[in-house]
Amino acid sequence: MIKTFMQSEDGMGAVEIILIIIVLISIVAIFRNQITSLVNAIWKNINRDAKDIYN
């Protein structure tokens, strides 16, 4: 029974998903300023283009 439990890989999916989430959160934390600047620049362009369309 212990041998079967040790060879079982049912929990590997959950561990992998948790590790991926941790890596993604770390990347966002490291590049937070760059991501914020990029999003702000995109929104400014969208707003500027929207004003051009409606004027």
N, C-alpha and C. Protein backbone atom coordinates (compact mmCIF):
# COMPACT_ATOMS: atom_id res chain seq x y z
N MET A 1 0.83 -1.19 0.00
CA MET A 1 0.00 0.00 0.00
C MET A 1 0.87 1.25 0.00
N ILE A 2 1.93 1.29 0.80
CA ILE A 2 2.83 2.44 0.84
C ILE A 2 3.56 2.59 -0.49
N LYS A 3 3.97 1.46 -1.07
CA LYS A 3 4.67 1.50 -2.36
C LYS A 3 3.76 2.08 -3.44
N THR A 4 2.51 1.70 -3.44
CA THR A 4 1.55 2.22 -4.42
C THR A 4 1.36 3.72 -4.22
N PHE A 5 1.28 4.15 -2.97
CA PHE A 5 1.11 5.57 -2.67
C PHE A 5 2.31 6.38 -3.15
N MET A 6 3.51 5.88 -2.94
CA MET A 6 4.72 6.59 -3.33
C MET A 6 4.85 6.67 -4.85
N GLN A 7 4.33 5.70 -5.57
CA GLN A 7 4.43 5.70 -7.02
C GLN A 7 3.29 6.47 -7.69
N SER A 8 2.26 6.78 -6.93
CA SER A 8 1.12 7.50 -7.48
C SER A 8 1.53 8.92 -7.85
N GLU A 9 1.04 9.40 -8.99
CA GLU A 9 1.37 10.75 -9.46
C GLU A 9 0.13 11.63 -9.56
N ASP A 10 -0.90 11.30 -8.81
CA ASP A 10 -2.14 12.05 -8.89
C ASP A 10 -1.98 13.50 -8.44
N GLY A 11 -1.15 13.76 -7.46
CA GLY A 11 -0.97 15.11 -6.92
C GLY A 11 -0.03 15.97 -7.73
N MET A 12 0.62 15.42 -8.71
CA MET A 12 1.61 16.19 -9.47
C MET A 12 0.97 17.36 -10.21
N GLY A 13 -0.23 17.21 -10.71
CA GLY A 13 -0.88 18.30 -11.43
C GLY A 13 -1.09 19.52 -10.56
N ALA A 14 -1.54 19.32 -9.33
CA ALA A 14 -1.77 20.43 -8.42
C ALA A 14 -0.46 21.13 -8.07
N VAL A 15 0.58 20.37 -7.83
CA VAL A 15 1.88 20.96 -7.50
C VAL A 15 2.40 21.78 -8.68
N GLU A 16 2.27 21.26 -9.87
CA GLU A 16 2.74 21.98 -11.05
C GLU A 16 1.97 23.28 -11.25
N ILE A 17 0.66 23.24 -11.05
CA ILE A 17 -0.15 24.45 -11.20
C ILE A 17 0.25 25.49 -10.16
N ILE A 18 0.48 25.07 -8.93
CA ILE A 18 0.89 25.99 -7.87
C ILE A 18 2.24 26.61 -8.19
N LEU A 19 3.17 25.82 -8.70
CA LEU A 19 4.49 26.36 -9.07
C LEU A 19 4.38 27.35 -10.21
N ILE A 20 3.55 27.08 -11.18
CA ILE A 20 3.35 28.01 -12.30
C ILE A 20 2.76 29.32 -11.80
N ILE A 21 1.80 29.25 -10.91
CA ILE A 21 1.19 30.45 -10.35
C ILE A 21 2.22 31.26 -9.58
N ILE A 22 3.06 30.60 -8.81
CA ILE A 22 4.10 31.29 -8.05
C ILE A 22 5.08 31.99 -8.99
N VAL A 23 5.46 31.33 -10.06
CA VAL A 23 6.38 31.94 -11.03
C VAL A 23 5.73 33.16 -11.69
N LEU A 24 4.47 33.04 -12.08
CA LEU A 24 3.78 34.17 -12.71
C LEU A 24 3.65 35.36 -11.75
N ILE A 25 3.33 35.10 -10.51
CA ILE A 25 3.23 36.17 -9.52
C ILE A 25 4.59 36.83 -9.32
N SER A 26 5.64 36.05 -9.29
CA SER A 26 6.99 36.60 -9.14
C SER A 26 7.36 37.49 -10.33
N ILE A 27 7.04 37.04 -11.53
CA ILE A 27 7.34 37.84 -12.72
C ILE A 27 6.58 39.16 -12.68
N VAL A 28 5.32 39.11 -12.30
CA VAL A 28 4.53 40.34 -12.20
C VAL A 28 5.11 41.26 -11.14
N ALA A 29 5.54 40.71 -10.02
CA ALA A 29 6.11 41.54 -8.96
C ALA A 29 7.42 42.18 -9.40
N ILE A 30 8.23 41.45 -10.13
CA ILE A 30 9.53 41.98 -10.58
C ILE A 30 9.34 43.07 -11.63
N PHE A 31 8.43 42.86 -12.57
CA PHE A 31 8.25 43.79 -13.68
C PHE A 31 7.01 44.66 -13.53
N ARG A 32 6.61 44.90 -12.30
CA ARG A 32 5.38 45.66 -12.03
C ARG A 32 5.41 47.06 -12.65
N ASN A 33 6.50 47.77 -12.49
CA ASN A 33 6.59 49.13 -13.01
C ASN A 33 6.52 49.15 -14.54
N GLN A 34 7.21 48.21 -15.17
CA GLN A 34 7.19 48.16 -16.63
C GLN A 34 5.80 47.80 -17.15
N ILE A 35 5.14 46.86 -16.48
CA ILE A 35 3.79 46.46 -16.88
C ILE A 35 2.82 47.63 -16.72
N THR A 36 2.94 48.36 -15.61
CA THR A 36 2.08 49.51 -15.38
C THR A 36 2.29 50.58 -16.44
N SER A 37 3.54 50.85 -16.77
CA SER A 37 3.84 51.85 -17.81
C SER A 37 3.28 51.43 -19.16
N LEU A 38 3.43 50.18 -19.49
CA LEU A 38 2.91 49.68 -20.76
C LEU A 38 1.39 49.79 -20.83
N VAL A 39 0.72 49.39 -19.78
CA VAL A 39 -0.76 49.46 -19.76
C VAL A 39 -1.22 50.91 -19.84
N ASN A 40 -0.55 51.81 -19.11
CA ASN A 40 -0.93 53.22 -19.17
C ASN A 40 -0.73 53.79 -20.57
N ALA A 41 0.36 53.44 -21.23
CA ALA A 41 0.61 53.91 -22.59
C ALA A 41 -0.46 53.39 -23.55
N ILE A 42 -0.84 52.14 -23.39
CA ILE A 42 -1.87 51.56 -24.25
C ILE A 42 -3.20 52.29 -24.05
N TRP A 43 -3.57 52.55 -22.78
CA TRP A 43 -4.83 53.24 -22.52
C TRP A 43 -4.82 54.66 -23.07
N LYS A 44 -3.67 55.35 -22.98
CA LYS A 44 -3.58 56.70 -23.54
C LYS A 44 -3.80 56.67 -25.04
N ASN A 45 -3.19 55.69 -25.72
CA ASN A 45 -3.38 55.57 -27.17
C ASN A 45 -4.83 55.26 -27.53
N ILE A 46 -5.45 54.40 -26.76
CA ILE A 46 -6.85 54.05 -27.01
C ILE A 46 -7.73 55.29 -26.84
N ASN A 47 -7.51 56.03 -25.75
CA ASN A 47 -8.31 57.23 -25.50
C ASN A 47 -8.09 58.28 -26.58
N ARG A 48 -6.83 58.47 -27.01
CA ARG A 48 -6.52 59.45 -28.04
C ARG A 48 -7.20 59.06 -29.36
N ASP A 49 -7.09 57.79 -29.72
CA ASP A 49 -7.71 57.33 -30.96
C ASP A 49 -9.24 57.40 -30.89
N ALA A 50 -9.80 57.13 -29.72
CA ALA A 50 -11.25 57.22 -29.56
C ALA A 50 -11.71 58.66 -29.72
N LYS A 51 -10.97 59.61 -29.19
CA LYS A 51 -11.31 61.02 -29.36
C LYS A 51 -11.24 61.42 -30.82
N ASP A 52 -10.25 60.92 -31.55
CA ASP A 52 -10.13 61.22 -32.98
C ASP A 52 -11.33 60.69 -33.76
N ILE A 53 -11.83 59.55 -33.38
CA ILE A 53 -12.96 58.95 -34.08
C ILE A 53 -14.24 59.75 -33.82
N TYR A 54 -14.44 60.20 -32.60
CA TYR A 54 -15.68 60.89 -32.25
C TYR A 54 -15.65 62.37 -32.58
N ASN A 55 -14.49 62.91 -32.93
CA ASN A 55 -14.43 64.35 -33.26
C ASN A 55 -14.47 64.58 -34.72
